[in-house]
N, C-alpha and C. Protein backbone atom coordinates (compact mmCIF):
# COMPACT_ATOMS: atom_id res chain seq x y z
N MET A 1 94.65 196.81 171.85
CA MET A 1 95.12 196.29 170.43
C MET A 1 94.74 197.04 169.34
N ALA A 2 95.50 198.00 168.18
CA ALA A 2 95.42 197.93 167.32
C ALA A 2 95.61 196.64 165.94
N PHE A 3 95.23 196.69 164.93
CA PHE A 3 95.42 195.55 163.74
C PHE A 3 96.58 195.72 163.60
N GLY A 4 97.52 195.04 163.89
CA GLY A 4 98.82 194.62 163.71
C GLY A 4 100.11 194.88 164.74
N ASP A 5 99.00 195.55 166.00
CA ASP A 5 99.92 195.35 167.27
C ASP A 5 100.55 194.25 168.09
N TYR A 6 101.34 193.84 168.46
CA TYR A 6 101.39 192.64 169.65
C TYR A 6 100.57 192.45 170.32
N PRO A 7 100.77 191.67 171.07
CA PRO A 7 99.60 191.81 172.69
C PRO A 7 100.12 192.39 172.94
N LYS A 8 99.36 192.97 174.12
CA LYS A 8 99.76 193.85 175.39
C LYS A 8 100.76 193.17 176.71
N GLU A 9 100.20 192.02 176.86
CA GLU A 9 100.95 190.81 177.33
C GLU A 9 102.11 190.79 177.14
N TYR A 10 103.06 190.59 175.94
CA TYR A 10 103.78 190.53 174.87
C TYR A 10 105.05 191.23 175.60
N ASN A 11 106.17 190.72 176.43
CA ASN A 11 107.62 191.40 176.52
C ASN A 11 108.80 190.69 176.04
N PRO A 12 109.45 191.57 174.92
CA PRO A 12 110.17 190.82 174.23
C PRO A 12 111.45 190.83 174.85
N ALA A 13 111.43 191.73 176.20
CA ALA A 13 112.67 190.89 177.20
C ALA A 13 112.69 189.85 178.02
N VAL A 14 111.15 189.30 178.08
CA VAL A 14 111.03 188.26 178.88
C VAL A 14 110.39 187.00 177.25
N HIS A 15 110.17 187.34 176.29
CA HIS A 15 109.45 186.08 175.94
C HIS A 15 110.17 185.84 174.71
N GLY A 16 111.40 186.97 174.29
CA GLY A 16 112.47 186.35 173.16
C GLY A 16 111.35 187.11 171.94
N PRO A 17 112.03 186.18 170.83
CA PRO A 17 111.34 186.91 169.27
C PRO A 17 109.68 186.26 169.68
N TYR A 18 108.78 187.22 168.51
CA TYR A 18 107.73 186.91 168.85
C TYR A 18 107.15 185.56 168.00
N ASP A 19 106.12 185.14 168.53
CA ASP A 19 105.08 183.74 168.12
C ASP A 19 103.89 183.87 167.69
N PRO A 20 103.57 184.07 166.75
CA PRO A 20 101.93 184.18 166.61
C PRO A 20 101.27 182.77 166.71
N ALA A 21 102.15 181.97 166.92
CA ALA A 21 101.06 180.62 167.73
C ALA A 21 101.21 180.86 169.00
N ARG A 22 101.51 181.61 169.43
CA ARG A 22 101.83 181.73 171.18
C ARG A 22 100.94 182.79 172.38
N TYR A 23 100.16 181.92 172.93
CA TYR A 23 99.61 182.95 174.11
C TYR A 23 100.40 183.66 174.89
N TYR A 24 100.52 184.76 174.96
CA TYR A 24 101.01 185.62 175.94
C TYR A 24 100.29 185.85 177.16
N GLY A 25 99.03 185.21 177.45
CA GLY A 25 98.42 185.94 178.75
C GLY A 25 98.69 184.78 179.69
N LYS A 26 97.84 185.16 180.86
CA LYS A 26 98.28 184.24 182.06
C LYS A 26 98.00 182.83 181.28
N PRO A 27 98.90 182.13 182.10
CA PRO A 27 98.69 180.49 181.42
C PRO A 27 97.44 180.12 182.76
N ASP A 28 96.67 179.08 181.87
CA ASP A 28 95.64 178.27 182.80
C ASP A 28 95.36 177.04 182.73
N THR A 29 94.74 176.41 183.19
CA THR A 29 94.46 174.89 183.11
C THR A 29 94.05 174.54 181.73
N PRO A 30 94.70 173.50 181.42
CA PRO A 30 94.25 173.16 180.33
C PRO A 30 93.02 172.49 180.34
N PHE A 31 91.98 172.43 179.44
CA PHE A 31 90.94 172.05 179.24
C PHE A 31 91.23 170.82 179.35
N GLY A 32 91.81 169.76 179.31
CA GLY A 32 91.99 168.30 178.89
C GLY A 32 92.52 167.94 180.59
N GLN A 33 92.76 168.88 181.31
CA GLN A 33 92.92 168.46 182.64
C GLN A 33 92.10 168.91 183.31
N LEU A 34 91.09 169.75 183.41
CA LEU A 34 89.84 169.99 183.87
C LEU A 34 89.03 168.81 184.51
N LYS A 35 88.01 169.05 185.53
CA LYS A 35 87.53 168.06 186.17
C LYS A 35 86.30 168.60 185.91
N LEU A 36 85.09 167.79 185.58
CA LEU A 36 83.66 167.94 185.42
C LEU A 36 83.05 169.46 186.48
N ASN A 37 83.14 169.12 187.75
CA ASN A 37 82.76 170.43 188.04
C ASN A 37 83.21 171.63 187.74
N GLU A 38 84.63 171.95 187.24
CA GLU A 38 85.59 172.53 187.27
C GLU A 38 85.23 173.88 185.94
N ILE A 39 84.64 172.81 184.91
CA ILE A 39 84.26 173.77 183.64
C ILE A 39 83.68 174.63 183.60
N GLY A 40 82.78 175.19 184.37
CA GLY A 40 82.27 176.39 184.18
C GLY A 40 82.98 177.68 184.67
N ALA A 41 83.71 177.71 185.58
CA ALA A 41 84.37 178.38 186.08
C ALA A 41 85.52 179.07 185.23
N TRP A 42 85.76 177.54 183.94
CA TRP A 42 86.53 177.74 183.52
C TRP A 42 86.47 178.36 182.38
N PHE A 43 84.88 178.58 181.79
CA PHE A 43 84.86 179.46 180.55
C PHE A 43 84.85 180.80 181.26
N GLY A 44 84.11 180.29 182.84
CA GLY A 44 83.80 182.03 183.52
C GLY A 44 85.33 182.54 182.88
N ARG A 45 86.07 182.41 182.87
CA ARG A 45 87.10 183.12 183.13
C ARG A 45 87.74 183.25 181.57
N ARG A 46 87.33 182.85 180.44
CA ARG A 46 87.84 182.90 179.42
C ARG A 46 87.29 184.35 178.61
N ASN A 47 87.70 185.30 178.17
CA ASN A 47 87.66 186.82 177.82
C ASN A 47 87.06 186.25 176.26
N LYS A 48 85.96 186.53 176.73
CA LYS A 48 84.79 186.63 174.93
C LYS A 48 84.33 187.63 174.10
N THR A 49 85.61 188.81 174.34
CA THR A 49 85.28 190.08 173.02
C THR A 49 85.27 189.07 171.67
N PRO A 50 85.18 189.73 170.62
CA PRO A 50 85.49 189.79 169.30
C PRO A 50 86.93 189.70 168.71
N SER A 51 87.66 190.40 169.99
CA SER A 51 89.30 190.84 169.27
C SER A 51 90.04 189.41 170.43
N ALA A 52 89.20 188.86 171.14
CA ALA A 52 89.80 187.58 171.73
C ALA A 52 89.86 186.44 170.74
N LEU A 53 88.50 186.05 170.61
CA LEU A 53 87.92 184.90 169.27
C LEU A 53 88.91 185.76 168.23
N MET A 54 89.56 186.71 167.70
CA MET A 54 90.32 186.83 165.88
C MET A 54 91.44 186.14 167.14
N GLY A 55 92.23 186.33 168.09
CA GLY A 55 93.23 186.20 168.70
C GLY A 55 93.68 184.40 168.87
N ALA A 56 92.36 184.34 169.05
CA ALA A 56 92.73 182.43 169.18
C ALA A 56 92.36 181.40 168.14
N CYS A 57 91.38 182.25 166.73
CA CYS A 57 91.29 181.82 166.05
C CYS A 57 93.17 182.00 164.55
N SER A 58 93.67 183.04 164.73
CA SER A 58 94.46 183.49 164.47
C SER A 58 95.89 182.70 165.29
N ARG A 59 95.65 182.30 166.40
CA ARG A 59 96.60 181.51 166.96
C ARG A 59 96.48 180.06 166.38
N ALA A 60 95.14 179.45 166.09
CA ALA A 60 95.44 177.90 165.55
C ALA A 60 95.52 177.97 164.43
N TRP A 61 95.33 179.31 163.54
CA TRP A 61 95.96 179.19 162.13
C TRP A 61 97.16 178.96 161.81
N TRP A 62 98.29 179.66 162.94
CA TRP A 62 99.14 179.55 163.19
C TRP A 62 100.01 178.23 163.33
N ARG A 63 99.11 177.74 164.49
CA ARG A 63 99.94 176.34 164.91
C ARG A 63 99.52 175.53 163.38
N TRP A 64 98.71 175.61 163.22
CA TRP A 64 98.56 174.77 161.82
C TRP A 64 99.64 175.07 160.95
N GLN A 65 99.58 176.16 160.81
CA GLN A 65 100.52 176.45 159.86
C GLN A 65 102.54 175.99 159.95
N HIS A 66 102.30 176.14 161.02
CA HIS A 66 103.78 175.36 161.94
C HIS A 66 103.61 174.29 161.82
N LYS A 67 102.63 173.18 161.89
CA LYS A 67 103.13 171.88 162.08
C LYS A 67 102.51 171.44 161.11
N TYR A 68 101.79 171.64 160.18
CA TYR A 68 102.14 171.02 158.88
C TYR A 68 102.69 171.76 157.31
N VAL A 69 102.17 172.67 156.93
CA VAL A 69 102.62 173.97 156.07
C VAL A 69 104.35 174.04 156.15
N GLN A 70 104.94 174.57 157.11
CA GLN A 70 105.63 175.23 156.92
C GLN A 70 106.76 174.40 157.43
N PRO A 71 106.64 173.01 158.05
CA PRO A 71 108.13 172.35 158.37
C PRO A 71 108.99 172.13 156.79
N LYS A 72 110.43 171.37 157.33
CA LYS A 72 111.19 171.25 155.58
C LYS A 72 110.65 170.54 155.28
N ARG A 73 109.76 169.29 155.53
CA ARG A 73 109.61 168.06 154.32
C ARG A 73 108.32 168.00 154.96
N VAL A 74 107.33 168.83 153.76
CA VAL A 74 105.86 168.90 154.25
C VAL A 74 105.56 167.89 152.88
N GLY A 75 104.92 167.19 154.14
CA GLY A 75 103.92 165.58 153.38
C GLY A 75 102.71 166.22 152.92
N MET A 76 101.18 165.48 152.35
CA MET A 76 100.30 165.60 151.44
C MET A 76 99.50 165.38 152.57
N ALA A 77 99.47 165.93 154.22
CA ALA A 77 98.30 166.24 154.83
C ALA A 77 97.65 167.70 154.68
N PRO A 78 98.57 168.61 154.81
CA PRO A 78 98.22 170.03 154.85
C PRO A 78 96.77 170.24 153.40
N PHE A 79 97.62 169.57 152.14
CA PHE A 79 96.56 169.37 150.82
C PHE A 79 95.33 168.62 151.28
N PHE A 80 95.24 167.52 152.31
CA PHE A 80 93.40 166.80 152.15
C PHE A 80 93.01 167.62 152.88
N GLN A 81 93.99 168.31 154.32
CA GLN A 81 93.32 169.02 155.14
C GLN A 81 92.26 169.93 154.12
N LEU A 82 92.97 170.74 153.39
CA LEU A 82 92.15 171.80 153.10
C LEU A 82 90.99 171.37 152.15
N LEU A 83 91.43 169.91 151.00
CA LEU A 83 90.54 169.12 150.23
C LEU A 83 89.13 169.33 151.50
N VAL A 84 89.37 168.65 152.00
CA VAL A 84 88.30 167.66 152.92
C VAL A 84 87.13 169.17 153.53
N GLY A 85 88.22 169.89 154.46
CA GLY A 85 87.37 171.42 154.77
C GLY A 85 86.87 172.22 153.72
N SER A 86 87.97 172.36 152.57
CA SER A 86 86.44 172.75 151.49
C SER A 86 84.94 172.07 150.80
N MET A 87 85.58 170.94 151.08
CA MET A 87 84.19 170.25 150.64
C MET A 87 83.26 169.79 151.93
N THR A 88 83.52 169.78 153.09
CA THR A 88 82.82 170.06 154.40
C THR A 88 81.85 171.66 153.93
N PHE A 89 82.75 172.40 153.63
CA PHE A 89 82.15 174.39 153.54
C PHE A 89 80.86 174.03 152.95
N PHE A 90 81.65 173.37 151.43
CA PHE A 90 80.71 173.89 150.15
C PHE A 90 79.54 172.25 150.08
N TYR A 91 79.64 171.62 150.89
CA TYR A 91 78.06 170.80 151.33
C TYR A 91 77.84 171.57 152.04
N VAL A 92 78.05 171.94 153.39
CA VAL A 92 77.34 172.96 154.44
C VAL A 92 75.75 173.95 153.61
N ILE A 93 77.01 174.79 152.94
CA ILE A 93 76.48 176.02 151.74
C ILE A 93 75.39 175.45 150.99
N ASN A 94 75.83 174.82 150.67
CA ASN A 94 74.67 173.72 149.56
C ASN A 94 73.71 172.60 149.64
N TYR A 95 73.64 172.64 150.87
CA TYR A 95 72.47 171.46 151.86
C TYR A 95 71.81 172.23 151.33
N GLY A 96 70.78 172.99 151.57
CA GLY A 96 69.37 173.27 150.82
C GLY A 96 69.18 173.07 149.93
N LYS A 97 70.13 173.20 148.54
CA LYS A 97 69.73 172.91 147.14
C LYS A 97 70.01 171.64 147.03
N MET A 98 70.88 170.64 147.86
CA MET A 98 70.52 169.48 147.14
C MET A 98 69.64 169.08 148.31
N SER A 99 69.05 169.03 149.44
CA SER A 99 67.93 168.41 150.06
C SER A 99 66.49 168.37 149.28
N LYS A 100 66.60 168.88 148.54
CA LYS A 100 65.29 168.73 147.54
C LYS A 100 65.51 167.49 146.98
N TYR A 101 66.33 166.87 146.40
CA TYR A 101 66.56 166.12 145.85
C TYR A 101 66.85 164.33 146.07
N GLY A 102 66.72 164.52 147.43
CA GLY A 102 67.15 163.26 148.26
C GLY A 102 66.46 162.52 148.28
N HIS A 103 64.86 162.63 148.09
CA HIS A 103 64.03 161.33 147.84
C HIS A 103 64.46 160.32 146.23
N GLU A 104 65.27 160.79 145.55
CA GLU A 104 65.79 160.24 144.08
C GLU A 104 66.70 159.13 144.60
N LEU A 105 67.48 159.65 145.60
CA LEU A 105 68.65 159.27 145.95
C LEU A 105 68.39 158.09 146.92
N ARG A 106 67.24 157.45 147.46
CA ARG A 106 67.12 156.52 148.89
C ARG A 106 68.26 154.85 148.28
N PRO A 107 68.49 154.50 149.08
CA PRO A 107 69.11 153.47 148.85
C PRO A 107 67.93 152.40 147.95
N SER A 108 66.51 152.46 148.49
CA SER A 108 65.44 151.34 148.85
C SER A 108 65.19 151.15 147.21
N VAL A 109 65.17 152.40 146.80
CA VAL A 109 64.95 152.83 145.22
C VAL A 109 66.24 152.28 144.46
N CYS A 110 67.44 152.60 144.43
CA CYS A 110 68.23 151.93 143.82
C CYS A 110 68.63 150.35 143.52
N VAL A 111 68.26 149.89 145.01
CA VAL A 111 68.42 148.06 144.83
C VAL A 111 67.21 147.58 144.48
N ASN A 112 66.54 148.53 144.43
CA ASN A 112 64.97 147.45 143.35
C ASN A 112 64.85 148.11 142.05
N MET A 113 65.79 149.00 141.43
CA MET A 113 66.32 149.18 140.12
C MET A 113 66.97 148.20 139.94
N HIS A 114 68.36 147.95 140.94
CA HIS A 114 69.05 146.73 140.10
C HIS A 114 68.61 145.73 140.22
N MET A 115 67.57 144.78 141.16
CA MET A 115 67.08 143.94 141.23
C MET A 115 65.81 143.50 139.37
N GLN A 116 65.80 144.50 138.70
CA GLN A 116 64.59 143.81 138.34
C GLN A 116 65.34 143.28 136.76
C-alpha cells in the first residue's frame, strides 16, 4: 500500500464510503473480551510492520477527531486534551533539565521555611 492509497482490504461495493477511522481487515476478538490465556495468541496475530503501526495510529487519530473535534456541538474537551497532552510531552522532554533542580523544591525545605 502506497501513501494515500486505500487499504487493500477495502472494497467500496461491500463497505460503502471510505471511513479512515475504521479497520477493514479481518475482525478479531476485542482486547477487552480476551481471557488471560488468550493474550499471547492475540498478540501473535497482530501485524507488527511499520505500516500497520502507522495505520493504527491514523485510525486512532480519526476516531478521536470524529468523537471530539468534528461533532456539530464541540465542547472544551479537545482543547483540554491537547493542552494536557502538550504539557505532558514537554515535561517528559525537559525532565532531564528540570531534575537537576529537584533538591530545591523538597516539601520539607518549604515547610521549614514557613515555620520560621
